[in-house]
Amino acid sequence: MTVLEKIIRHFPKAVAGKEQEFTSGSIRKAVFMLSVPMILEMMMESIFFLVDAYFVSSLGANAIATVGLTESVLTLVYAIAIGLSMGVTAIVARRIGEKDIPGASQVAVQAIFLGVVVAILISVIGIIYPKEILTLMGGEPDLVAEGYGYTQILLGGNVTIMLLFLINAIFRGAGDASAAMKVLIFSNLLNIVLDPLFIFGWGPVPAFGVKGAAIATTIGRGSAVIFQLCILFFGWTKIKLGFKDLVIRAGIMLNLIKVSLGGIGQFIIGTSSWVFLMRIMAEFGSEVVAGYTIAIRVLMFTLMPSWGMSNAAATLVGQNLGAGKPARAETSVWKTGKYNAWLMIVVSLFYLVLAETIVKIFSDDPDVIKYGALSLRIIAAGYVFYAYGMVVIQAFNGAGDTKTPTVINFFCFWLFQLPFAYAAAIYFGWGVLGVLLAITIAEALIAVIGIIWFKKGNWKQVKV
């Protein structure tokens, strides 16, 4: 049987999530069965951004820039959500590998409680200070006046983002990536319908403009969270929750926080770096920010498959360490990294050739197209490094060693990327090119340092 025939044969099983045993048998098959639904899940997550960008782009550069500046702030929310998710996936995967289903269920409940508390605190800030947030990010007065409602709704409703990430992390840790994928397919279909409805208005629904994109996205994500809770409480996955489980278990929550702190730290370091990069971009005008925003959203769409494979590596590492098979865990990482690299090489060539054509789908402004295409090309040039870097970093996280990636991120983002970007763009006068080069070089550094550190093997001894 050829490789293509095997892919065609196993693809429906992977999407359906019929196989959830990943601590024995073929590693290549395990990577495939986990990666397919995780790639589709990550692509569904990025479609939120692309759909919003597509519909909002017709409202002008200020509207696109509003989305970009808000998303830069939201990356801090994503940092907390993804950081907590790393802890959740690592511990749930370890418990599943140990055949401790009740223990995995208890971790799931504490994760949901923790996510709700954190989201409430962020909501208060977002609802009260949306104008100040956009101003702090460098938004011009007319942009702030036009777009603060978008910021207010997305930050105010961030509980939908938090729980969407956390509950899908529970599914991934349990090896049921298919459930996470189905949730996001449902959510995206709803968002695609609601976006034009609330942005442009129809019938009794008024046109909310850029604010409507936030309304649609929040409703779409909120509906997905309800779907997730139904899956958990009705037992449509390995983990089934009951109302008797809804109690606070301080020991489990503290362990979850302990494991997650490194994940939160590494993503706060990484995403705060993106916030400062956006702030530097804002110095060059709304057209530059708009072009950069479109490029980042397009790039995120093709980075999500890479994230999907990386998440598959994290699950395989966690479950195989739980099953007492560290050698199998390590082999899974190298194989996943190789597959990811081939995928990213193909994607980077696509962007290098078709950059302007892609940006023109979202805007006809010559300056927006110019800077968007430049952003696509420079960042995509480092895709092969991102491929290995993502897999290795997620392997650490899947083992529960969230401290190591935090140290790597701190060095590469704060001690290298930000000073380099500022000096190149402002001091040496390279402008936008300086910021983009800082992004690509920093990601390459992460990959190189991550691989060297991973080979030392200390992650195999981490207890969670």
Protein backbone atom coordinates (compact mmCIF):
# COMPACT_ATOMS: atom_id res chain seq x y z
CA MET A 1 0.00 0.00 0.00
CA THR A 2 1.42 3.41 -1.01
CA VAL A 3 1.68 6.39 1.37
CA LEU A 4 -1.16 8.14 -0.47
CA GLU A 5 -3.39 5.07 -0.15
CA LYS A 6 -2.66 4.90 3.58
CA ILE A 7 -3.54 8.58 3.99
CA ILE A 8 -6.83 8.13 2.11
CA ARG A 9 -7.62 5.03 4.18
CA HIS A 10 -6.91 6.58 7.60
CA PHE A 11 -8.14 10.13 7.00
CA PRO A 12 -11.85 9.41 7.73
CA LYS A 13 -10.89 7.56 10.92
CA ALA A 14 -8.72 10.49 12.03
CA VAL A 15 -11.50 13.02 11.43
CA ALA A 16 -14.06 10.82 13.19
CA GLY A 17 -11.72 10.35 16.17
CA LYS A 18 -12.27 6.58 16.26
CA GLU A 19 -8.76 5.79 17.46
CA GLN A 20 -7.58 7.12 20.82
CA GLU A 21 -4.77 4.72 21.79
CA PHE A 22 -1.41 6.39 21.13
CA THR A 23 0.99 4.66 23.53
CA SER A 24 1.51 1.59 21.34
CA GLY A 25 1.64 0.64 17.66
CA SER A 26 2.94 2.70 14.76
CA ILE A 27 4.26 6.14 15.75
CA ARG A 28 3.74 7.45 12.21
CA LYS A 29 0.09 6.40 12.38
CA ALA A 30 -0.29 7.94 15.84
CA VAL A 31 1.12 11.25 14.59
CA PHE A 32 -1.26 11.17 11.62
CA MET A 33 -4.37 10.22 13.63
CA LEU A 34 -3.75 13.03 16.11
CA SER A 35 -2.43 15.63 13.67
CA VAL A 36 -5.30 15.57 11.15
CA PRO A 37 -8.06 16.68 13.56
CA MET A 38 -5.67 19.03 15.36
CA ILE A 39 -4.63 20.68 12.09
CA LEU A 40 -8.27 21.10 11.11
CA GLU A 41 -9.02 22.46 14.58
CA MET A 42 -6.24 25.05 14.38
CA MET A 43 -7.29 26.06 10.86
CA MET A 44 -10.83 26.55 12.11
CA GLU A 45 -9.51 28.81 14.88
CA SER A 46 -7.61 30.94 12.36
CA ILE A 47 -10.66 31.22 10.10
CA PHE A 48 -12.19 33.46 12.78
CA PHE A 49 -9.46 35.99 12.01
CA LEU A 50 -9.65 35.63 8.25
CA VAL A 51 -13.44 35.97 8.09
CA ASP A 52 -13.38 39.08 10.26
CA ALA A 53 -10.55 40.58 8.17
CA TYR A 54 -12.39 39.86 4.92
CA PHE A 55 -15.66 41.52 5.91
CA VAL A 56 -14.08 44.36 7.90
CA SER A 57 -11.66 45.22 5.08
CA SER A 58 -14.49 46.85 3.12
CA LEU A 59 -14.91 49.39 5.96
CA GLY A 60 -11.50 50.97 5.34
CA ALA A 61 -7.97 51.08 6.77
CA ASN A 62 -9.10 52.36 10.19
CA ALA A 63 -11.41 49.39 10.67
CA ILE A 64 -8.69 46.90 9.67
CA ALA A 65 -6.19 48.67 11.94
CA THR A 66 -8.71 48.56 14.82
CA VAL A 67 -8.96 44.81 14.43
CA GLY A 68 -5.17 44.53 14.31
CA LEU A 69 -4.55 46.65 17.41
CA THR A 70 -7.29 44.85 19.34
CA GLU A 71 -6.00 41.44 18.34
CA SER A 72 -2.55 42.50 19.54
CA VAL A 73 -4.02 43.19 22.99
CA LEU A 74 -6.08 39.99 22.80
CA THR A 75 -2.88 38.04 22.33
CA LEU A 76 -2.32 38.62 26.05
CA VAL A 77 -5.65 36.87 26.67
CA TYR A 78 -4.55 34.11 24.30
CA ALA A 79 -1.28 33.91 26.24
CA ILE A 80 -3.10 33.15 29.47
CA ALA A 81 -5.58 30.81 27.78
CA ILE A 82 -2.91 28.91 25.85
CA GLY A 83 -0.59 28.85 28.85
CA LEU A 84 -3.31 27.30 31.01
CA SER A 85 -4.16 24.96 28.12
CA MET A 86 -0.59 23.67 28.10
CA GLY A 87 -0.89 22.71 31.75
CA VAL A 88 -4.29 21.13 31.13
CA THR A 89 -3.10 19.11 28.12
CA ALA A 90 0.07 17.95 29.90
CA ILE A 91 -1.70 16.77 33.06
CA VAL A 92 -4.75 15.28 31.32
CA ALA A 93 -2.50 13.43 28.84
CA ARG A 94 -0.34 12.11 31.68
CA ARG A 95 -3.44 10.87 33.56
CA ILE A 96 -4.81 9.23 30.41
CA GLY A 97 -1.44 7.52 29.86
CA GLU A 98 -1.66 6.26 33.45
CA LYS A 99 -5.23 5.00 32.76
CA ASP A 100 -6.55 7.38 35.48
CA ILE A 101 -9.76 8.66 33.85
CA PRO A 102 -11.31 10.05 37.10
CA GLY A 103 -8.10 11.99 37.74
CA ALA A 104 -8.26 13.48 34.23
CA SER A 105 -11.89 14.50 34.83
CA GLN A 106 -10.98 16.27 38.06
CA VAL A 107 -8.28 18.27 36.26
CA ALA A 108 -10.85 19.25 33.62
CA VAL A 109 -13.24 20.72 36.21
CA GLN A 110 -10.52 22.75 37.94
CA ALA A 111 -9.35 24.10 34.58
CA ILE A 112 -12.86 25.37 33.78
CA PHE A 113 -13.20 27.05 37.19
CA LEU A 114 -9.82 28.72 36.83
CA GLY A 115 -10.59 29.94 33.31
CA VAL A 116 -13.85 31.59 34.39
CA VAL A 117 -12.19 33.48 37.26
CA VAL A 118 -9.36 34.80 35.07
CA ALA A 119 -11.78 35.80 32.29
CA ILE A 120 -13.93 37.85 34.66
CA LEU A 121 -10.92 39.93 35.73
CA ILE A 122 -9.96 40.63 32.10
CA SER A 123 -13.58 41.48 31.19
CA VAL A 124 -13.75 44.23 33.78
CA ILE A 125 -10.69 45.96 32.31
CA GLY A 126 -11.91 45.54 28.71
CA ILE A 127 -15.39 46.90 29.39
CA ILE A 128 -14.22 49.96 31.34
CA TYR A 129 -11.09 51.00 29.40
CA PRO A 130 -11.46 50.15 25.66
CA LYS A 131 -10.61 53.69 24.44
CA GLU A 132 -7.56 53.91 26.67
CA ILE A 133 -6.34 50.52 25.43
CA LEU A 134 -6.53 51.54 21.76
CA THR A 135 -4.87 54.89 22.51
CA LEU A 136 -2.07 53.14 24.39
CA MET A 137 -1.54 50.92 21.34
CA GLY A 138 -0.98 54.01 19.19
CA GLY A 139 -4.43 54.30 17.63
CA GLU A 140 -5.24 57.71 16.15
CA PRO A 141 -8.25 59.62 17.63
CA ASP A 142 -10.59 58.84 14.71
CA LEU A 143 -9.63 55.17 14.86
CA VAL A 144 -10.36 55.05 18.62
CA ALA A 145 -13.74 56.76 18.18
CA GLU A 146 -14.72 54.39 15.37
CA GLY A 147 -13.41 51.13 16.78
CA TYR A 148 -13.52 51.12 20.59
CA GLY A 149 -16.80 49.15 20.58
CA TYR A 150 -15.02 46.26 18.86
CA THR A 151 -12.35 46.23 21.55
CA GLN A 152 -14.91 46.51 24.36
CA ILE A 153 -17.01 43.56 23.18
CA LEU A 154 -14.12 41.18 22.44
CA LEU A 155 -12.31 41.85 25.72
CA GLY A 156 -15.57 41.97 27.68
CA GLY A 157 -16.60 38.59 26.27
CA ASN A 158 -13.17 36.98 26.57
CA VAL A 159 -14.62 34.15 28.70
CA THR A 160 -15.67 32.54 25.40
CA ILE A 161 -12.04 32.60 24.21
CA MET A 162 -10.73 31.31 27.53
CA LEU A 163 -13.11 28.37 27.81
CA LEU A 164 -12.87 27.49 24.12
CA PHE A 165 -9.10 27.04 24.47
CA LEU A 166 -9.23 25.26 27.83
CA ILE A 167 -11.93 22.74 27.03
CA ASN A 168 -10.36 21.92 23.68
CA ALA A 169 -7.10 21.37 25.59
CA ILE A 170 -8.95 18.82 27.70
CA PHE A 171 -10.10 17.02 24.55
CA ARG A 172 -6.56 17.07 23.10
CA GLY A 173 -4.98 15.75 26.29
CA ALA A 174 -7.49 12.89 26.28
CA GLY A 175 -6.48 12.11 22.69
CA ASP A 176 -9.88 13.13 21.35
CA ALA A 177 -8.76 15.90 19.01
CA SER A 178 -11.76 15.17 16.80
CA ALA A 179 -14.14 16.66 19.39
CA ALA A 180 -12.16 19.92 19.47
CA MET A 181 -12.21 20.05 15.67
CA LYS A 182 -15.99 19.55 15.45
CA VAL A 183 -16.60 22.30 18.00
CA LEU A 184 -14.65 24.83 15.95
CA ILE A 185 -16.26 23.81 12.65
CA PHE A 186 -19.66 24.53 14.22
CA SER A 187 -18.44 27.83 15.66
CA ASN A 188 -16.92 29.02 12.38
CA LEU A 189 -19.99 28.23 10.31
CA LEU A 190 -22.02 30.32 12.73
CA ASN A 191 -19.48 33.16 12.60
CA ILE A 192 -19.48 33.20 8.78
CA VAL A 193 -23.25 33.68 8.80
CA LEU A 194 -23.34 36.24 11.62
CA ASP A 195 -20.39 38.43 10.52
CA PRO A 196 -22.01 40.07 7.47
CA LEU A 197 -25.36 40.16 9.31
CA PHE A 198 -24.04 42.28 12.20
CA ILE A 199 -21.43 44.27 10.25
CA PHE A 200 -23.67 45.39 7.35
CA GLY A 201 -27.14 44.79 8.84
CA TRP A 202 -30.11 42.98 7.36
CA GLY A 203 -33.83 43.30 8.04
CA PRO A 204 -34.42 44.22 11.70
CA VAL A 205 -30.70 43.84 12.53
CA PRO A 206 -28.92 47.25 12.28
CA ALA A 207 -25.47 47.70 10.73
CA PHE A 208 -22.95 47.79 13.58
CA GLY A 209 -19.87 48.23 11.38
CA VAL A 210 -16.59 46.93 12.85
CA LYS A 211 -18.38 46.44 16.18
CA GLY A 212 -20.59 43.86 14.47
CA ALA A 213 -17.59 41.61 13.81
CA ALA A 214 -16.96 41.43 17.55
CA ILE A 215 -20.63 40.64 18.25
CA ALA A 216 -20.65 37.83 15.66
CA THR A 217 -17.37 36.32 16.83
CA THR A 218 -18.40 36.38 20.50
CA ILE A 219 -21.72 34.70 19.73
CA GLY A 220 -19.96 32.10 17.58
CA ARG A 221 -17.41 31.28 20.26
CA GLY A 222 -20.02 31.33 23.01
CA SER A 223 -22.15 28.80 21.13
CA ALA A 224 -19.06 26.61 20.71
CA VAL A 225 -18.46 26.66 24.48
CA ILE A 226 -22.02 25.46 25.09
CA PHE A 227 -21.37 22.66 22.57
CA GLN A 228 -18.15 21.75 24.43
CA LEU A 229 -19.92 21.56 27.79
CA CYS A 230 -22.57 19.28 26.27
CA ILE A 231 -19.81 16.94 25.05
CA LEU A 232 -18.24 16.84 28.53
CA PHE A 233 -21.45 16.38 30.52
CA PHE A 234 -23.11 13.93 28.14
CA GLY A 235 -19.95 11.81 27.93
CA TRP A 236 -19.29 11.97 24.19
CA THR A 237 -15.54 11.65 24.86
CA LYS A 238 -13.28 9.72 27.25
CA ILE A 239 -13.93 12.28 29.98
CA LYS A 240 -17.47 12.56 31.35
CA LEU A 241 -18.42 15.15 33.98
CA GLY A 242 -21.35 15.16 36.36
CA PHE A 243 -22.70 17.83 38.68
CA LYS A 244 -21.09 15.94 41.59
CA ASP A 245 -17.70 16.78 40.03
CA LEU A 246 -18.31 20.53 40.24
CA VAL A 247 -16.36 21.12 43.41
CA ILE A 248 -13.12 23.00 43.99
CA ARG A 249 -10.15 20.72 44.66
CA ALA A 250 -7.39 22.99 45.91
CA GLY A 251 -4.56 20.48 45.47
CA ILE A 252 -5.37 19.74 41.85
CA MET A 253 -5.92 23.42 41.04
CA LEU A 254 -2.61 24.43 42.62
CA ASN A 255 -0.79 21.72 40.64
CA LEU A 256 -2.51 22.93 37.47
CA ILE A 257 -1.46 26.51 38.20
CA LYS A 258 2.10 25.39 38.94
CA VAL A 259 2.43 23.50 35.65
CA SER A 260 0.64 26.26 33.71
CA LEU A 261 2.69 29.18 35.05
CA GLY A 262 5.57 28.38 32.73
CA GLY A 263 3.18 28.13 29.77
CA ILE A 264 1.54 31.43 30.68
CA GLY A 265 4.95 33.01 31.14
CA GLN A 266 6.31 31.88 27.80
CA PHE A 267 3.24 33.11 25.94
CA ILE A 268 3.05 36.40 27.81
CA ILE A 269 6.69 36.94 26.85
CA GLY A 270 6.00 36.00 23.23
CA THR A 271 2.71 37.82 22.80
CA SER A 272 3.75 40.95 24.67
CA SER A 273 6.60 41.07 22.21
CA TRP A 274 4.02 41.04 19.42
CA VAL A 275 2.18 43.89 21.15
CA PHE A 276 5.34 46.01 21.21
CA LEU A 277 6.09 45.11 17.59
CA MET A 278 2.61 46.33 16.63
CA ARG A 279 3.28 49.51 18.60
CA ILE A 280 6.43 50.09 16.54
CA MET A 281 4.47 49.42 13.34
CA ALA A 282 1.90 52.03 14.40
CA GLU A 283 4.64 54.68 14.08
CA PHE A 284 4.46 54.27 10.30
CA GLY A 285 0.68 54.89 9.86
CA SER A 286 -2.63 53.04 9.55
CA GLU A 287 -1.83 51.66 6.08
CA VAL A 288 1.27 49.90 7.41
CA VAL A 289 -0.66 48.52 10.40
CA ALA A 290 -3.47 47.39 8.09
CA GLY A 291 -1.07 45.61 5.70
CA TYR A 292 0.78 43.97 8.57
CA THR A 293 -2.53 42.92 10.17
CA ILE A 294 -3.75 41.26 6.96
CA ALA A 295 -0.41 39.48 6.53
CA ILE A 296 -0.42 38.19 10.11
CA ARG A 297 -3.97 36.87 9.75
CA VAL A 298 -3.11 35.08 6.52
CA LEU A 299 0.10 33.72 8.01
CA MET A 300 -1.79 32.51 11.09
CA PHE A 301 -4.03 30.47 8.82
CA THR A 302 -1.08 28.45 7.54
CA LEU A 303 0.76 28.41 10.87
CA MET A 304 -2.25 26.72 12.45
CA PRO A 305 -1.58 23.39 10.70
CA SER A 306 1.93 23.64 12.13
CA TRP A 307 0.42 24.30 15.54
CA GLY A 308 -1.86 21.30 15.01
CA MET A 309 1.13 19.00 14.48
CA SER A 310 2.89 20.59 17.45
CA ASN A 311 -0.11 19.91 19.67
CA ALA A 312 -0.12 16.31 18.45
CA ALA A 313 3.51 16.04 19.58
CA ALA A 314 2.56 17.43 23.01
CA THR A 315 -0.20 14.84 23.45
CA LEU A 316 2.06 12.00 22.34
CA VAL A 317 4.81 13.09 24.74
CA GLY A 318 2.40 13.41 27.68
CA GLN A 319 0.61 10.11 27.14
CA ASN A 320 3.78 8.11 26.43
CA LEU A 321 5.58 9.51 29.48
CA GLY A 322 2.50 8.58 31.53
CA ALA A 323 2.72 5.06 30.08
CA GLY A 324 6.44 4.85 30.98
CA LYS A 325 7.70 5.04 27.37
CA PRO A 326 10.10 8.06 27.12
CA ALA A 327 11.93 6.70 24.06
CA ARG A 328 8.66 6.46 22.13
CA ALA A 329 7.83 10.02 23.25
CA GLU A 330 11.14 11.33 21.86
CA THR A 331 10.81 9.49 18.55
CA SER A 332 7.32 10.96 18.14
CA VAL A 333 8.78 14.48 18.41
CA TRP A 334 11.46 14.01 15.74
CA LYS A 335 9.02 12.42 13.30
CA THR A 336 6.43 15.15 13.85
CA GLY A 337 9.09 17.83 13.35
CA LYS A 338 10.14 16.31 10.02
CA TYR A 339 6.57 16.16 8.70
CA ASN A 340 5.95 19.72 9.87
CA ALA A 341 9.08 21.02 8.12
CA TRP A 342 8.05 19.59 4.74
CA LEU A 343 4.62 21.19 5.09
CA MET A 344 6.03 24.60 5.98
CA ILE A 345 8.55 24.59 3.10
CA VAL A 346 5.70 24.17 0.61
CA VAL A 347 3.67 26.94 2.26
CA SER A 348 6.58 29.39 2.35
CA LEU A 349 7.20 28.97 -1.39
CA PHE A 350 3.52 29.70 -2.00
CA TYR A 351 3.74 33.01 -0.10
CA LEU A 352 6.99 34.07 -1.70
CA VAL A 353 5.41 33.80 -5.16
CA LEU A 354 1.84 35.00 -4.54
CA ALA A 355 2.18 37.61 -1.77
CA GLU A 356 0.57 40.58 -3.58
CA THR A 357 -2.23 38.46 -5.02
CA ILE A 358 -3.16 37.20 -1.55
CA VAL A 359 -3.21 40.65 0.08
CA LYS A 360 -5.34 42.05 -2.78
CA ILE A 361 -8.14 39.70 -1.67
CA PHE A 362 -8.48 41.82 1.48
CA SER A 363 -7.65 45.35 0.26
CA ASP A 364 -7.18 47.40 -2.91
CA ASP A 365 -5.18 50.15 -1.18
CA PRO A 366 -1.69 50.22 -2.86
CA ASP A 367 0.15 50.93 0.39
CA VAL A 368 -1.72 48.24 2.29
CA ILE A 369 -0.88 45.75 -0.49
CA LYS A 370 2.77 46.83 -0.53
CA TYR A 371 3.38 46.39 3.20
CA GLY A 372 1.17 43.34 3.49
CA ALA A 373 3.10 41.54 0.73
CA LEU A 374 6.44 42.53 2.28
CA SER A 375 5.29 41.13 5.64
CA LEU A 376 4.17 37.86 4.06
CA ARG A 377 7.45 37.29 2.28
CA ILE A 378 9.86 38.13 5.10
CA ILE A 379 8.02 36.19 7.80
CA ALA A 380 7.28 33.17 5.57
CA ALA A 381 10.98 32.93 4.71
CA GLY A 382 11.54 31.54 8.21
CA TYR A 383 8.75 28.95 8.12
CA VAL A 384 11.05 25.91 8.12
CA PHE A 385 12.52 27.13 11.43
CA TYR A 386 9.04 27.72 12.86
CA ALA A 387 8.16 24.12 11.99
CA TYR A 388 10.84 22.50 14.15
CA GLY A 389 10.71 25.23 16.80
CA MET A 390 6.98 24.80 17.40
CA VAL A 391 7.16 21.02 17.68
CA VAL A 392 10.10 20.99 20.09
CA ILE A 393 8.66 23.75 22.30
CA GLN A 394 5.30 21.97 22.48
CA ALA A 395 7.10 18.72 23.29
CA PHE A 396 8.57 20.38 26.40
CA ASN A 397 5.11 21.62 27.33
CA GLY A 398 3.53 18.22 26.76
CA ALA A 399 6.05 16.75 29.20
CA GLY A 400 5.04 19.36 31.79
CA ASP A 401 8.39 21.18 31.44
CA THR A 402 6.97 24.62 30.75
CA LYS A 403 9.94 26.38 32.37
CA THR A 404 12.45 25.62 29.60
CA PRO A 405 10.40 27.24 26.76
CA THR A 406 9.84 30.26 29.02
CA VAL A 407 13.60 30.80 29.34
CA ILE A 408 14.06 30.32 25.58
CA ASN A 409 11.26 32.81 24.80
CA PHE A 410 12.63 35.36 27.25
CA PHE A 411 16.04 35.30 25.60
CA CYS A 412 14.85 35.23 21.98
CA PHE A 413 11.95 37.69 22.24
CA TRP A 414 12.80 40.19 24.95
CA LEU A 415 16.59 40.19 24.90
CA PHE A 416 16.96 39.89 21.12
CA GLN A 417 13.79 40.52 19.09
CA LEU A 418 12.51 43.74 20.68
CA PRO A 419 15.85 45.58 20.88
CA PHE A 420 16.72 44.49 17.34
CA ALA A 421 13.31 45.57 15.96
CA TYR A 422 13.44 49.00 17.59
CA ALA A 423 17.04 49.66 16.63
CA ALA A 424 16.57 48.47 13.05
CA ALA A 425 13.23 50.20 12.43
CA ILE A 426 13.76 53.51 14.27
CA TYR A 427 17.45 54.05 14.98
CA PHE A 428 18.90 52.70 11.72
CA GLY A 429 15.88 53.79 9.66
CA TRP A 430 15.02 50.42 8.13
CA GLY A 431 11.35 50.98 8.93
CA VAL A 432 8.95 48.07 8.52
CA LEU A 433 11.69 45.80 7.14
CA GLY A 434 13.59 46.03 10.43
CA VAL A 435 10.60 44.79 12.43
CA LEU A 436 9.96 41.91 10.02
CA LEU A 437 13.59 40.76 10.07
CA ALA A 438 13.50 40.77 13.87
CA ILE A 439 10.50 38.41 13.77
CA THR A 440 12.11 35.91 11.39
CA ILE A 441 15.54 35.83 13.03
CA ALA A 442 14.07 35.43 16.53
CA GLU A 443 11.96 32.44 15.45
CA ALA A 444 15.03 30.80 13.91
CA LEU A 445 16.90 31.26 17.20
CA ILE A 446 14.05 29.61 19.12
CA ALA A 447 14.25 26.56 16.87
CA VAL A 448 18.03 26.16 17.17
CA ILE A 449 18.17 26.66 20.96
CA GLY A 450 15.08 24.49 21.49
CA ILE A 451 16.55 21.53 19.58
CA ILE A 452 19.86 21.73 21.46
CA TRP A 453 18.08 21.83 24.82
CA PHE A 454 15.64 19.06 23.88
CA LYS A 455 18.47 16.67 23.04
CA LYS A 456 19.72 16.90 26.63
CA GLY A 457 16.65 14.87 27.67
CA ASN A 458 15.92 16.49 31.04
CA TRP A 459 12.25 16.80 30.11
CA LYS A 460 11.86 13.02 30.50
CA GLN A 461 12.20 13.29 34.30
CA VAL A 462 9.52 15.97 34.88
CA LYS A 463 6.69 14.93 37.22
CA VAL A 464 3.16 16.37 36.94
